[in-house]
């Protein structure tokens, strides 16, 4: 708990002191697979830095641009380092072998669209860029799917932080319930898309 408290205080300090630059840096770190939770950064930005819907949109876009930059860093790590490097050194940035294998399995099963789907799944959303780099996903599609998958997530968190005000921090406590809902919704979407593809292929 002490470490969690220290991390929380550090994140609050960075966001309050550096505002837009702070959010940009922290979200780049998160998408580059460092243990920085967007579930804290973006709601905090919504509470501490946003005074209108315009501000919410601006910070959502900043978070998304940061996600693109960080995801490209992770993509290059996957492309240049490959599977052995990730399995060997991932533990040093709190990436477990289990998480990496889950992301890799999704990628093998669903192909390019996994990047979009993965942005909506807990534990997978930050590491999905690594197998994308390993499998050399088309750069344009990687960028597009990352943007489309990241923007709604960042907007949602920023807006919640804005609406909750001083109680913004409770979001992190209830994220597991949101994650369950997102997993169910994503599973339904996958089944629907696969059925449509099969029907069109007949």
N, C-alpha and C. Protein backbone atom coordinates (compact mmCIF):
# COMPACT_ATOMS: atom_id res chain seq x y z
N UNK A 1 0.83 -1.21 0.00
CA UNK A 1 0.00 0.00 0.00
C UNK A 1 0.85 1.25 0.00
N UNK A 2 2.01 1.17 0.68
CA UNK A 2 2.88 2.34 0.74
C UNK A 2 3.37 2.71 -0.66
N UNK A 3 3.71 1.69 -1.46
CA UNK A 3 4.18 1.95 -2.82
C UNK A 3 3.08 2.55 -3.67
N UNK A 4 1.86 2.04 -3.50
CA UNK A 4 0.72 2.58 -4.24
C UNK A 4 0.50 4.04 -3.89
N UNK A 5 0.59 4.35 -2.60
CA UNK A 5 0.44 5.73 -2.16
C UNK A 5 1.51 6.65 -2.72
N UNK A 6 2.73 6.17 -2.74
CA UNK A 6 3.83 6.96 -3.30
C UNK A 6 3.62 7.21 -4.78
N UNK A 7 3.19 6.16 -5.50
CA UNK A 7 2.92 6.30 -6.94
C UNK A 7 1.81 7.31 -7.17
N UNK A 8 0.75 7.21 -6.39
CA UNK A 8 -0.38 8.13 -6.53
C UNK A 8 0.07 9.57 -6.30
N UNK A 9 0.82 9.81 -5.24
CA UNK A 9 1.29 11.16 -4.94
C UNK A 9 2.21 11.69 -6.03
N UNK A 10 3.05 10.81 -6.56
CA UNK A 10 3.96 11.24 -7.64
C UNK A 10 3.18 11.62 -8.89
N UNK A 11 2.19 10.80 -9.25
CA UNK A 11 1.37 11.08 -10.43
C UNK A 11 0.61 12.40 -10.26
N UNK A 12 0.04 12.60 -9.08
CA UNK A 12 -0.69 13.84 -8.80
C UNK A 12 0.24 15.04 -8.96
N UNK A 13 1.46 14.92 -8.42
CA UNK A 13 2.43 16.01 -8.52
C UNK A 13 2.81 16.33 -9.95
N UNK A 14 3.04 15.29 -10.75
CA UNK A 14 3.42 15.49 -12.16
C UNK A 14 2.30 16.17 -12.93
N UNK A 15 1.08 15.68 -12.76
CA UNK A 15 -0.06 16.24 -13.50
C UNK A 15 -0.32 17.69 -13.08
N UNK A 16 -0.28 17.97 -11.80
CA UNK A 16 -0.57 19.33 -11.33
C UNK A 16 0.52 20.32 -11.75
N UNK A 17 1.78 19.90 -11.69
CA UNK A 17 2.88 20.82 -12.00
C UNK A 17 3.08 21.02 -13.50
N UNK A 18 2.94 19.95 -14.26
CA UNK A 18 3.28 20.02 -15.68
C UNK A 18 2.05 20.05 -16.59
N UNK A 19 0.88 19.88 -16.04
CA UNK A 19 -0.40 19.89 -16.77
C UNK A 19 -0.31 19.10 -18.08
N UNK A 20 -0.45 19.75 -19.23
CA UNK A 20 -0.53 19.02 -20.50
C UNK A 20 0.72 18.20 -20.78
N UNK A 21 1.88 18.78 -20.52
CA UNK A 21 3.14 18.06 -20.74
C UNK A 21 3.22 16.85 -19.82
N UNK A 22 2.77 17.03 -18.58
CA UNK A 22 2.78 15.93 -17.62
C UNK A 22 1.90 14.77 -18.07
N UNK A 23 0.68 15.09 -18.52
CA UNK A 23 -0.23 14.06 -19.02
C UNK A 23 0.38 13.36 -20.23
N UNK A 24 0.96 14.13 -21.13
CA UNK A 24 1.59 13.57 -22.32
C UNK A 24 2.69 12.58 -21.94
N UNK A 25 3.58 12.99 -21.05
CA UNK A 25 4.72 12.14 -20.65
C UNK A 25 4.23 10.86 -19.96
N UNK A 26 3.29 11.00 -19.03
CA UNK A 26 2.81 9.84 -18.28
C UNK A 26 2.10 8.84 -19.18
N UNK A 27 1.31 9.34 -20.13
CA UNK A 27 0.58 8.44 -21.01
C UNK A 27 1.50 7.79 -22.04
N UNK A 28 2.56 8.48 -22.43
CA UNK A 28 3.58 7.84 -23.28
C UNK A 28 4.20 6.68 -22.51
N UNK A 29 4.53 6.92 -21.26
CA UNK A 29 5.14 5.87 -20.42
C UNK A 29 4.21 4.67 -20.29
N UNK A 30 2.92 4.94 -20.09
CA UNK A 30 1.96 3.84 -19.95
C UNK A 30 1.91 2.99 -21.20
N UNK A 31 1.81 3.62 -22.36
CA UNK A 31 1.70 2.88 -23.62
C UNK A 31 3.01 2.23 -24.04
N UNK A 32 4.11 2.70 -23.45
CA UNK A 32 5.40 2.05 -23.71
C UNK A 32 5.62 0.88 -22.74
N UNK A 33 4.52 0.47 -22.08
CA UNK A 33 4.50 -0.71 -21.21
C UNK A 33 5.17 -0.49 -19.85
N UNK A 34 5.27 0.75 -19.41
CA UNK A 34 5.74 1.03 -18.06
C UNK A 34 4.52 1.07 -17.13
N UNK A 35 4.68 0.72 -15.85
CA UNK A 35 3.54 0.59 -14.94
C UNK A 35 2.95 1.92 -14.48
N UNK A 36 2.41 2.68 -15.42
CA UNK A 36 1.73 3.95 -15.14
C UNK A 36 0.26 3.77 -15.53
N UNK A 37 -0.67 3.75 -14.58
CA UNK A 37 -2.08 3.46 -14.90
C UNK A 37 -2.83 4.67 -15.47
N UNK A 38 -3.37 4.49 -16.68
CA UNK A 38 -4.20 5.55 -17.26
C UNK A 38 -5.45 5.77 -16.43
N UNK A 39 -5.85 4.74 -15.67
CA UNK A 39 -7.03 4.85 -14.81
C UNK A 39 -6.86 5.87 -13.70
N UNK A 40 -5.63 6.30 -13.45
CA UNK A 40 -5.35 7.37 -12.49
C UNK A 40 -5.05 8.67 -13.22
N UNK A 41 -4.22 8.59 -14.25
CA UNK A 41 -3.74 9.80 -14.93
C UNK A 41 -4.87 10.59 -15.57
N UNK A 42 -5.71 9.93 -16.37
CA UNK A 42 -6.73 10.65 -17.12
C UNK A 42 -7.86 11.19 -16.23
N UNK A 43 -8.37 10.42 -15.26
CA UNK A 43 -9.37 11.01 -14.36
C UNK A 43 -8.81 12.18 -13.55
N UNK A 44 -7.55 12.08 -13.15
CA UNK A 44 -6.92 13.18 -12.42
C UNK A 44 -6.86 14.42 -13.30
N UNK A 45 -6.52 14.23 -14.58
CA UNK A 45 -6.50 15.36 -15.52
C UNK A 45 -7.89 15.96 -15.65
N UNK A 46 -8.91 15.09 -15.70
CA UNK A 46 -10.28 15.58 -15.81
C UNK A 46 -10.69 16.42 -14.62
N UNK A 47 -10.27 16.00 -13.43
CA UNK A 47 -10.62 16.74 -12.21
C UNK A 47 -9.80 18.01 -12.05
N UNK A 48 -8.48 17.89 -12.18
CA UNK A 48 -7.58 18.99 -11.81
C UNK A 48 -7.36 20.01 -12.92
N UNK A 49 -7.54 19.61 -14.18
CA UNK A 49 -7.13 20.48 -15.29
C UNK A 49 -8.26 20.87 -16.24
N UNK A 50 -9.43 20.26 -16.10
CA UNK A 50 -10.52 20.53 -17.05
C UNK A 50 -11.62 21.39 -16.42
N UNK A 51 -12.01 22.41 -17.16
CA UNK A 51 -13.09 23.29 -16.71
C UNK A 51 -14.27 23.32 -17.67
N UNK A 52 -14.17 22.58 -18.77
CA UNK A 52 -15.23 22.59 -19.77
C UNK A 52 -15.10 21.35 -20.65
N UNK A 53 -16.10 21.12 -21.49
CA UNK A 53 -16.04 20.01 -22.44
C UNK A 53 -14.89 20.19 -23.41
N UNK A 54 -14.58 21.44 -23.75
CA UNK A 54 -13.44 21.70 -24.63
C UNK A 54 -12.15 21.19 -24.00
N UNK A 55 -11.97 21.44 -22.71
CA UNK A 55 -10.77 20.95 -22.01
C UNK A 55 -10.73 19.42 -22.00
N UNK A 56 -11.89 18.81 -21.77
CA UNK A 56 -11.97 17.34 -21.75
C UNK A 56 -11.52 16.77 -23.09
N UNK A 57 -12.00 17.37 -24.18
CA UNK A 57 -11.63 16.91 -25.51
C UNK A 57 -10.13 17.09 -25.76
N UNK A 58 -9.60 18.23 -25.32
CA UNK A 58 -8.16 18.51 -25.51
C UNK A 58 -7.32 17.47 -24.78
N UNK A 59 -7.64 17.19 -23.52
CA UNK A 59 -6.85 16.23 -22.75
C UNK A 59 -7.05 14.80 -23.24
N UNK A 60 -8.25 14.51 -23.74
CA UNK A 60 -8.48 13.19 -24.34
C UNK A 60 -7.59 13.00 -25.56
N UNK A 61 -7.47 14.06 -26.35
CA UNK A 61 -6.62 14.00 -27.54
C UNK A 61 -5.15 13.92 -27.17
N UNK A 62 -4.74 14.66 -26.14
CA UNK A 62 -3.35 14.60 -25.67
C UNK A 62 -3.02 13.18 -25.22
N UNK A 63 -3.93 12.58 -24.45
CA UNK A 63 -3.72 11.21 -23.99
C UNK A 63 -3.62 10.23 -25.15
N UNK A 64 -4.44 10.46 -26.18
CA UNK A 64 -4.43 9.57 -27.34
C UNK A 64 -3.16 9.73 -28.17
N UNK A 65 -2.71 10.96 -28.35
CA UNK A 65 -1.44 11.19 -29.05
C UNK A 65 -0.29 10.53 -28.29
N UNK A 66 -0.34 10.65 -26.97
CA UNK A 66 0.68 10.01 -26.14
C UNK A 66 0.62 8.49 -26.29
N UNK A 67 -0.60 7.94 -26.37
CA UNK A 67 -0.75 6.50 -26.58
C UNK A 67 -0.12 6.07 -27.90
N UNK A 68 -0.28 6.89 -28.93
CA UNK A 68 0.32 6.58 -30.23
C UNK A 68 1.84 6.54 -30.12
N UNK A 69 2.41 7.54 -29.47
CA UNK A 69 3.87 7.61 -29.33
C UNK A 69 4.40 6.42 -28.52
N UNK A 70 3.78 6.19 -27.36
CA UNK A 70 4.22 5.09 -26.51
C UNK A 70 4.02 3.73 -27.16
N UNK A 71 2.91 3.59 -27.89
CA UNK A 71 2.64 2.32 -28.57
C UNK A 71 3.66 2.05 -29.67
N UNK A 72 4.09 3.11 -30.33
CA UNK A 72 5.12 2.95 -31.36
C UNK A 72 6.46 2.55 -30.74
N UNK A 73 6.75 3.06 -29.56
CA UNK A 73 7.97 2.64 -28.85
C UNK A 73 7.90 1.14 -28.56
N UNK A 74 6.74 0.69 -28.04
CA UNK A 74 6.56 -0.73 -27.74
C UNK A 74 6.59 -1.57 -29.02
N UNK A 75 6.00 -1.06 -30.08
CA UNK A 75 6.00 -1.76 -31.38
C UNK A 75 7.44 -2.00 -31.84
N UNK A 76 8.27 -0.97 -31.74
CA UNK A 76 9.67 -1.09 -32.17
C UNK A 76 10.44 -2.05 -31.29
N UNK A 77 10.13 -2.05 -29.99
CA UNK A 77 10.78 -3.01 -29.08
C UNK A 77 10.43 -4.43 -29.50
N UNK A 78 9.15 -4.66 -29.81
CA UNK A 78 8.74 -5.98 -30.26
C UNK A 78 9.37 -6.36 -31.59
N UNK A 79 9.45 -5.40 -32.49
CA UNK A 79 10.00 -5.67 -33.82
C UNK A 79 11.50 -5.97 -33.75
N UNK A 80 12.23 -5.18 -32.97
CA UNK A 80 13.69 -5.30 -32.92
C UNK A 80 14.16 -6.36 -31.92
N UNK A 81 13.43 -6.49 -30.81
CA UNK A 81 13.87 -7.42 -29.77
C UNK A 81 13.31 -8.82 -29.91
N UNK A 82 12.08 -8.89 -30.42
CA UNK A 82 11.46 -10.19 -30.59
C UNK A 82 10.99 -10.82 -29.29
N UNK A 83 10.44 -12.00 -29.43
CA UNK A 83 9.85 -12.73 -28.31
C UNK A 83 10.84 -13.02 -27.17
N UNK A 84 12.04 -13.49 -27.45
CA UNK A 84 12.98 -13.83 -26.37
C UNK A 84 13.30 -12.65 -25.45
N UNK A 85 13.49 -11.47 -26.04
CA UNK A 85 13.82 -10.29 -25.24
C UNK A 85 12.66 -9.91 -24.33
N UNK A 86 11.44 -9.99 -24.86
CA UNK A 86 10.26 -9.63 -24.06
C UNK A 86 10.08 -10.59 -22.89
N UNK A 87 10.25 -11.87 -23.14
CA UNK A 87 10.09 -12.85 -22.07
C UNK A 87 11.19 -12.71 -21.01
N UNK A 88 12.37 -12.31 -21.44
CA UNK A 88 13.50 -12.21 -20.52
C UNK A 88 13.45 -10.95 -19.67
N UNK A 89 13.10 -9.82 -20.30
CA UNK A 89 13.21 -8.54 -19.60
C UNK A 89 11.86 -7.92 -19.23
N UNK A 90 10.76 -8.50 -19.70
CA UNK A 90 9.44 -7.93 -19.42
C UNK A 90 9.14 -7.80 -17.94
N UNK A 91 9.64 -8.73 -17.14
CA UNK A 91 9.36 -8.71 -15.70
C UNK A 91 9.88 -7.46 -15.02
N UNK A 92 10.88 -6.81 -15.62
CA UNK A 92 11.46 -5.62 -14.99
C UNK A 92 10.55 -4.40 -15.11
N UNK A 93 9.57 -4.46 -16.00
CA UNK A 93 8.57 -3.38 -16.09
C UNK A 93 7.18 -3.94 -15.79
N UNK A 94 7.16 -5.02 -14.97
CA UNK A 94 5.93 -5.64 -14.48
C UNK A 94 5.07 -6.26 -15.58
N UNK A 95 5.70 -6.72 -16.66
CA UNK A 95 5.00 -7.45 -17.71
C UNK A 95 5.22 -8.94 -17.47
N UNK A 96 4.15 -9.66 -17.20
CA UNK A 96 4.29 -11.09 -16.94
C UNK A 96 4.28 -11.87 -18.25
N UNK A 97 4.88 -13.04 -18.19
CA UNK A 97 4.90 -13.92 -19.36
C UNK A 97 3.47 -14.30 -19.76
N UNK A 98 2.60 -14.46 -18.76
CA UNK A 98 1.20 -14.82 -19.02
C UNK A 98 0.50 -13.74 -19.83
N UNK A 99 0.71 -12.47 -19.47
CA UNK A 99 0.08 -11.36 -20.20
C UNK A 99 0.58 -11.31 -21.64
N UNK A 100 1.87 -11.50 -21.82
CA UNK A 100 2.45 -11.46 -23.16
C UNK A 100 1.92 -12.59 -24.03
N UNK A 101 1.79 -13.78 -23.45
CA UNK A 101 1.27 -14.92 -24.20
C UNK A 101 -0.20 -14.71 -24.57
N UNK A 102 -0.98 -14.13 -23.64
CA UNK A 102 -2.39 -13.83 -23.93
C UNK A 102 -2.51 -12.88 -25.11
N UNK A 103 -1.68 -11.83 -25.11
CA UNK A 103 -1.70 -10.86 -26.21
C UNK A 103 -1.28 -11.53 -27.52
N UNK A 104 -0.29 -12.36 -27.45
CA UNK A 104 0.21 -13.05 -28.64
C UNK A 104 -0.84 -14.01 -29.20
N UNK A 105 -1.54 -14.72 -28.31
CA UNK A 105 -2.58 -15.65 -28.72
C UNK A 105 -3.72 -14.92 -29.42
N UNK A 106 -4.14 -13.80 -28.86
CA UNK A 106 -5.17 -12.98 -29.50
C UNK A 106 -4.74 -12.56 -30.89
N UNK A 107 -3.49 -12.15 -31.01
CA UNK A 107 -2.98 -11.66 -32.29
C UNK A 107 -2.98 -12.76 -33.34
N UNK A 108 -2.56 -13.96 -32.94
CA UNK A 108 -2.54 -15.09 -33.89
C UNK A 108 -3.95 -15.47 -34.33
N UNK A 109 -4.90 -15.34 -33.42
CA UNK A 109 -6.27 -15.78 -33.71
C UNK A 109 -7.04 -14.78 -34.56
N UNK A 110 -6.90 -13.49 -34.25
CA UNK A 110 -7.74 -12.50 -34.91
C UNK A 110 -7.00 -11.56 -35.85
N UNK A 111 -5.68 -11.64 -35.89
CA UNK A 111 -4.93 -10.82 -36.82
C UNK A 111 -4.87 -9.35 -36.45
N UNK A 112 -4.83 -8.49 -37.47
CA UNK A 112 -4.61 -7.06 -37.27
C UNK A 112 -5.63 -6.40 -36.34
N UNK A 113 -6.89 -6.85 -36.44
CA UNK A 113 -7.95 -6.21 -35.66
C UNK A 113 -7.74 -6.38 -34.16
N UNK A 114 -6.82 -7.29 -33.79
CA UNK A 114 -6.51 -7.51 -32.38
C UNK A 114 -6.02 -6.23 -31.70
N UNK A 115 -5.33 -5.38 -32.44
CA UNK A 115 -4.84 -4.13 -31.86
C UNK A 115 -6.02 -3.28 -31.39
N UNK A 116 -7.07 -3.21 -32.21
CA UNK A 116 -8.26 -2.44 -31.83
C UNK A 116 -8.97 -3.10 -30.66
N UNK A 117 -9.17 -4.42 -30.75
CA UNK A 117 -9.84 -5.15 -29.68
C UNK A 117 -9.03 -5.08 -28.39
N UNK A 118 -7.71 -5.25 -28.52
CA UNK A 118 -6.84 -5.27 -27.35
C UNK A 118 -6.83 -3.99 -26.56
N UNK A 119 -7.07 -2.85 -27.23
CA UNK A 119 -7.10 -1.57 -26.52
C UNK A 119 -8.26 -1.49 -25.52
N UNK A 120 -9.22 -2.41 -25.64
CA UNK A 120 -10.39 -2.38 -24.78
C UNK A 120 -10.34 -3.44 -23.68
N UNK A 121 -9.24 -4.20 -23.61
CA UNK A 121 -9.17 -5.31 -22.66
C UNK A 121 -8.16 -5.03 -21.55
N UNK A 122 -8.53 -5.32 -20.29
CA UNK A 122 -7.60 -5.11 -19.18
C UNK A 122 -6.36 -5.98 -19.34
N UNK A 123 -5.22 -5.43 -18.92
CA UNK A 123 -3.91 -6.10 -18.97
C UNK A 123 -3.38 -6.21 -20.39
N UNK A 124 -4.28 -6.35 -21.37
CA UNK A 124 -3.84 -6.51 -22.76
C UNK A 124 -3.59 -5.16 -23.42
N UNK A 125 -4.35 -4.13 -23.03
CA UNK A 125 -4.35 -2.89 -23.79
C UNK A 125 -2.98 -2.21 -23.88
N UNK A 126 -2.12 -2.41 -22.88
CA UNK A 126 -0.81 -1.77 -22.96
C UNK A 126 0.23 -2.65 -23.64
N UNK A 127 0.07 -3.98 -23.54
CA UNK A 127 1.10 -4.88 -24.08
C UNK A 127 0.83 -5.31 -25.52
N UNK A 128 -0.34 -4.99 -26.07
CA UNK A 128 -0.70 -5.48 -27.40
C UNK A 128 0.24 -4.97 -28.49
N UNK A 129 0.89 -3.83 -28.24
CA UNK A 129 1.81 -3.27 -29.24
C UNK A 129 3.04 -4.15 -29.43
N UNK A 130 3.41 -4.89 -28.40
CA UNK A 130 4.61 -5.74 -28.49
C UNK A 130 4.46 -6.86 -29.51
N UNK A 131 3.40 -7.69 -29.44
CA UNK A 131 3.22 -8.70 -30.49
C UNK A 131 2.94 -8.09 -31.86
N UNK A 132 2.34 -6.89 -31.87
CA UNK A 132 2.14 -6.21 -33.16
C UNK A 132 3.48 -5.95 -33.83
N UNK A 133 4.47 -5.58 -33.04
CA UNK A 133 5.81 -5.38 -33.57
C UNK A 133 6.47 -6.68 -33.98
N UNK A 134 6.28 -7.72 -33.17
CA UNK A 134 6.86 -9.03 -33.48
C UNK A 134 6.32 -9.55 -34.81
N UNK A 135 5.01 -9.40 -35.03
CA UNK A 135 4.38 -9.91 -36.25
C UNK A 135 4.37 -8.89 -37.39
N UNK A 136 5.03 -7.75 -37.18
CA UNK A 136 5.20 -6.72 -38.22
C UNK A 136 3.87 -6.27 -38.82
N UNK A 137 2.93 -5.92 -37.93
CA UNK A 137 1.65 -5.38 -38.39
C UNK A 137 1.88 -4.15 -39.25
N UNK A 138 1.07 -4.00 -40.29
CA UNK A 138 1.15 -2.84 -41.16
C UNK A 138 1.13 -1.55 -40.33
N UNK A 139 2.14 -0.68 -40.49
CA UNK A 139 2.25 0.53 -39.65
C UNK A 139 1.04 1.46 -39.71
N UNK A 140 0.45 1.59 -40.89
CA UNK A 140 -0.70 2.48 -41.03
C UNK A 140 -1.89 1.93 -40.25
N UNK A 141 -2.14 0.64 -40.40
CA UNK A 141 -3.26 0.03 -39.67
C UNK A 141 -2.99 0.02 -38.16
N UNK A 142 -1.76 -0.21 -37.78
CA UNK A 142 -1.41 -0.18 -36.36
C UNK A 142 -1.72 1.19 -35.76
N UNK A 143 -1.32 2.24 -36.46
CA UNK A 143 -1.57 3.61 -36.00
C UNK A 143 -3.06 3.91 -35.94
N UNK A 144 -3.78 3.50 -36.98
CA UNK A 144 -5.22 3.76 -37.05
C UNK A 144 -5.98 3.04 -35.94
N UNK A 145 -5.70 1.75 -35.76
CA UNK A 145 -6.39 0.97 -34.73
C UNK A 145 -6.06 1.47 -33.33
N UNK A 146 -4.81 1.87 -33.14
CA UNK A 146 -4.41 2.39 -31.83
C UNK A 146 -5.16 3.68 -31.51
N UNK A 147 -5.28 4.56 -32.50
CA UNK A 147 -5.99 5.83 -32.30
C UNK A 147 -7.47 5.58 -32.01
N UNK A 148 -8.10 4.74 -32.84
CA UNK A 148 -9.54 4.47 -32.69
C UNK A 148 -9.84 3.80 -31.35
N UNK A 149 -8.96 2.91 -30.92
CA UNK A 149 -9.18 2.21 -29.66
C UNK A 149 -8.86 3.04 -28.42
N UNK A 150 -7.94 3.99 -28.56
CA UNK A 150 -7.48 4.76 -27.40
C UNK A 150 -8.34 5.99 -27.10
N UNK A 151 -8.83 6.66 -28.13
CA UNK A 151 -9.56 7.92 -27.93
C UNK A 151 -10.81 7.76 -27.05
N UNK A 152 -11.68 6.78 -27.33
CA UNK A 152 -12.87 6.64 -26.47
C UNK A 152 -12.51 6.34 -25.01
N UNK A 153 -11.49 5.51 -24.83
CA UNK A 153 -11.04 5.15 -23.47
C UNK A 153 -10.57 6.39 -22.72
N UNK A 154 -9.74 7.21 -23.36
CA UNK A 154 -9.22 8.42 -22.71
C UNK A 154 -10.32 9.44 -22.45
N UNK A 155 -11.24 9.57 -23.39
CA UNK A 155 -12.35 10.50 -23.19
C UNK A 155 -13.21 10.06 -22.00
N UNK A 156 -13.51 8.77 -21.96
CA UNK A 156 -14.34 8.23 -20.88
C UNK A 156 -13.72 8.50 -19.51
N UNK A 157 -12.44 8.22 -19.37
CA UNK A 157 -11.76 8.41 -18.08
C UNK A 157 -11.67 9.89 -17.71
N UNK A 158 -11.35 10.72 -18.69
CA UNK A 158 -11.23 12.16 -18.43
C UNK A 158 -12.57 12.76 -18.03
N UNK A 159 -13.62 12.36 -18.75
CA UNK A 159 -14.96 12.86 -18.45
C UNK A 159 -15.42 12.42 -17.06
N UNK A 160 -15.14 11.17 -16.71
CA UNK A 160 -15.51 10.68 -15.38
C UNK A 160 -14.80 11.48 -14.28
N UNK A 161 -13.51 11.74 -14.48
CA UNK A 161 -12.76 12.52 -13.51
C UNK A 161 -13.34 13.92 -13.35
N UNK A 162 -13.75 14.51 -14.46
CA UNK A 162 -14.35 15.85 -14.46
C UNK A 162 -15.67 15.84 -13.68
N UNK A 163 -16.50 14.84 -13.94
CA UNK A 163 -17.82 14.76 -13.30
C UNK A 163 -17.72 14.42 -11.81
N UNK A 164 -16.78 13.56 -11.46
CA UNK A 164 -16.66 13.13 -10.07
C UNK A 164 -15.97 14.16 -9.19
N UNK A 165 -15.23 15.08 -9.80
CA UNK A 165 -14.57 16.13 -9.04
C UNK A 165 -13.56 15.57 -8.05
N UNK A 166 -13.66 15.98 -6.81
CA UNK A 166 -12.69 15.57 -5.79
C UNK A 166 -12.74 14.07 -5.49
N UNK A 167 -13.77 13.40 -5.95
CA UNK A 167 -13.88 11.95 -5.74
C UNK A 167 -13.35 11.17 -6.94
N UNK A 168 -12.56 11.81 -7.81
CA UNK A 168 -12.06 11.18 -9.03
C UNK A 168 -11.34 9.87 -8.76
N UNK A 169 -10.66 9.78 -7.62
CA UNK A 169 -9.80 8.63 -7.33
C UNK A 169 -10.58 7.32 -7.15
N UNK A 170 -11.90 7.41 -6.91
CA UNK A 170 -12.67 6.17 -6.71
C UNK A 170 -12.79 5.38 -8.01
N UNK A 171 -12.51 6.02 -9.14
CA UNK A 171 -12.59 5.32 -10.42
C UNK A 171 -11.70 4.09 -10.41
N UNK A 172 -10.48 4.28 -9.90
CA UNK A 172 -9.51 3.19 -9.91
C UNK A 172 -10.01 1.99 -9.10
N UNK A 173 -10.79 2.28 -8.03
CA UNK A 173 -11.29 1.21 -7.17
C UNK A 173 -12.34 0.36 -7.88
N UNK A 174 -13.09 0.98 -8.81
CA UNK A 174 -14.18 0.28 -9.48
C UNK A 174 -13.83 -0.17 -10.90
N UNK A 175 -12.57 0.00 -11.29
CA UNK A 175 -12.19 -0.34 -12.66
C UNK A 175 -12.38 -1.82 -12.96
N UNK A 176 -12.23 -2.69 -11.97
CA UNK A 176 -12.36 -4.12 -12.24
C UNK A 176 -13.77 -4.45 -12.74
N UNK A 177 -14.79 -3.73 -12.22
CA UNK A 177 -16.15 -3.96 -12.67
C UNK A 177 -16.35 -3.44 -14.09
N UNK A 178 -15.72 -2.31 -14.38
CA UNK A 178 -15.79 -1.78 -15.74
C UNK A 178 -15.08 -2.72 -16.70
N UNK A 179 -13.95 -3.25 -16.27
CA UNK A 179 -13.20 -4.18 -17.12
C UNK A 179 -14.04 -5.40 -17.48
N UNK A 180 -14.80 -5.92 -16.50
CA UNK A 180 -15.66 -7.08 -16.76
C UNK A 180 -16.71 -6.73 -17.81
N UNK A 181 -17.32 -5.55 -17.66
CA UNK A 181 -18.33 -5.11 -18.62
C UNK A 181 -17.73 -4.95 -20.01
N UNK A 182 -16.52 -4.40 -20.07
CA UNK A 182 -15.86 -4.19 -21.35
C UNK A 182 -15.52 -5.53 -22.00
N UNK A 183 -15.05 -6.49 -21.21
CA UNK A 183 -14.72 -7.81 -21.75
C UNK A 183 -15.96 -8.47 -22.36
N UNK A 184 -17.08 -8.40 -21.65
CA UNK A 184 -18.32 -8.98 -22.16
C UNK A 184 -18.76 -8.29 -23.44
N UNK A 185 -18.71 -6.95 -23.43
CA UNK A 185 -19.09 -6.20 -24.62
C UNK A 185 -18.19 -6.50 -25.81
N UNK A 186 -16.90 -6.61 -25.55
CA UNK A 186 -15.95 -6.90 -26.62
C UNK A 186 -16.17 -8.30 -27.17
N UNK A 187 -16.45 -9.26 -26.29
CA UNK A 187 -16.71 -10.63 -26.73
C UNK A 187 -17.93 -10.69 -27.64
N UNK A 188 -18.98 -9.96 -27.26
CA UNK A 188 -20.19 -9.90 -28.10
C UNK A 188 -19.87 -9.28 -29.45
N UNK A 189 -19.06 -8.22 -29.45
CA UNK A 189 -18.67 -7.56 -30.70
C UNK A 189 -17.87 -8.50 -31.59
N UNK A 190 -16.94 -9.26 -31.00
CA UNK A 190 -16.13 -10.20 -31.77
C UNK A 190 -17.01 -11.26 -32.43
N UNK A 191 -17.94 -11.83 -31.65
CA UNK A 191 -18.84 -12.85 -32.19
C UNK A 191 -19.66 -12.29 -33.34
N UNK A 192 -20.17 -11.08 -33.17
CA UNK A 192 -20.97 -10.44 -34.21
C UNK A 192 -20.17 -10.24 -35.49
N UNK A 193 -18.95 -9.69 -35.34
CA UNK A 193 -18.10 -9.42 -36.50
C UNK A 193 -17.74 -10.71 -37.22
N UNK A 194 -17.37 -11.75 -36.47
CA UNK A 194 -17.00 -13.02 -37.09
C UNK A 194 -18.18 -13.64 -37.84
N UNK A 195 -19.38 -13.52 -37.29
CA UNK A 195 -20.57 -14.04 -37.97
C UNK A 195 -20.83 -13.30 -39.27
N UNK A 196 -20.66 -11.99 -39.23
CA UNK A 196 -20.87 -11.18 -40.44
C UNK A 196 -19.85 -11.55 -41.51
N UNK A 197 -18.60 -11.78 -41.08
CA UNK A 197 -17.56 -12.16 -42.04
C UNK A 197 -17.89 -13.50 -42.68
N UNK A 198 -18.34 -14.46 -41.87
CA UNK A 198 -18.69 -15.78 -42.40
C UNK A 198 -19.88 -15.71 -43.35
N UNK A 199 -20.89 -14.90 -42.97
CA UNK A 199 -22.07 -14.76 -43.83
C UNK A 199 -21.71 -14.13 -45.17
N UNK A 200 -20.83 -13.13 -45.14
CA UNK A 200 -20.42 -12.47 -46.38
C UNK A 200 -19.54 -13.38 -47.24
N UNK A 201 -18.89 -14.35 -46.58
CA UNK A 201 -18.01 -15.25 -47.32
C UNK A 201 -18.76 -16.37 -48.01
N UNK A 202 -20.02 -16.53 -47.66
CA UNK A 202 -20.81 -17.61 -48.28
C UNK A 202 -21.34 -17.20 -49.64
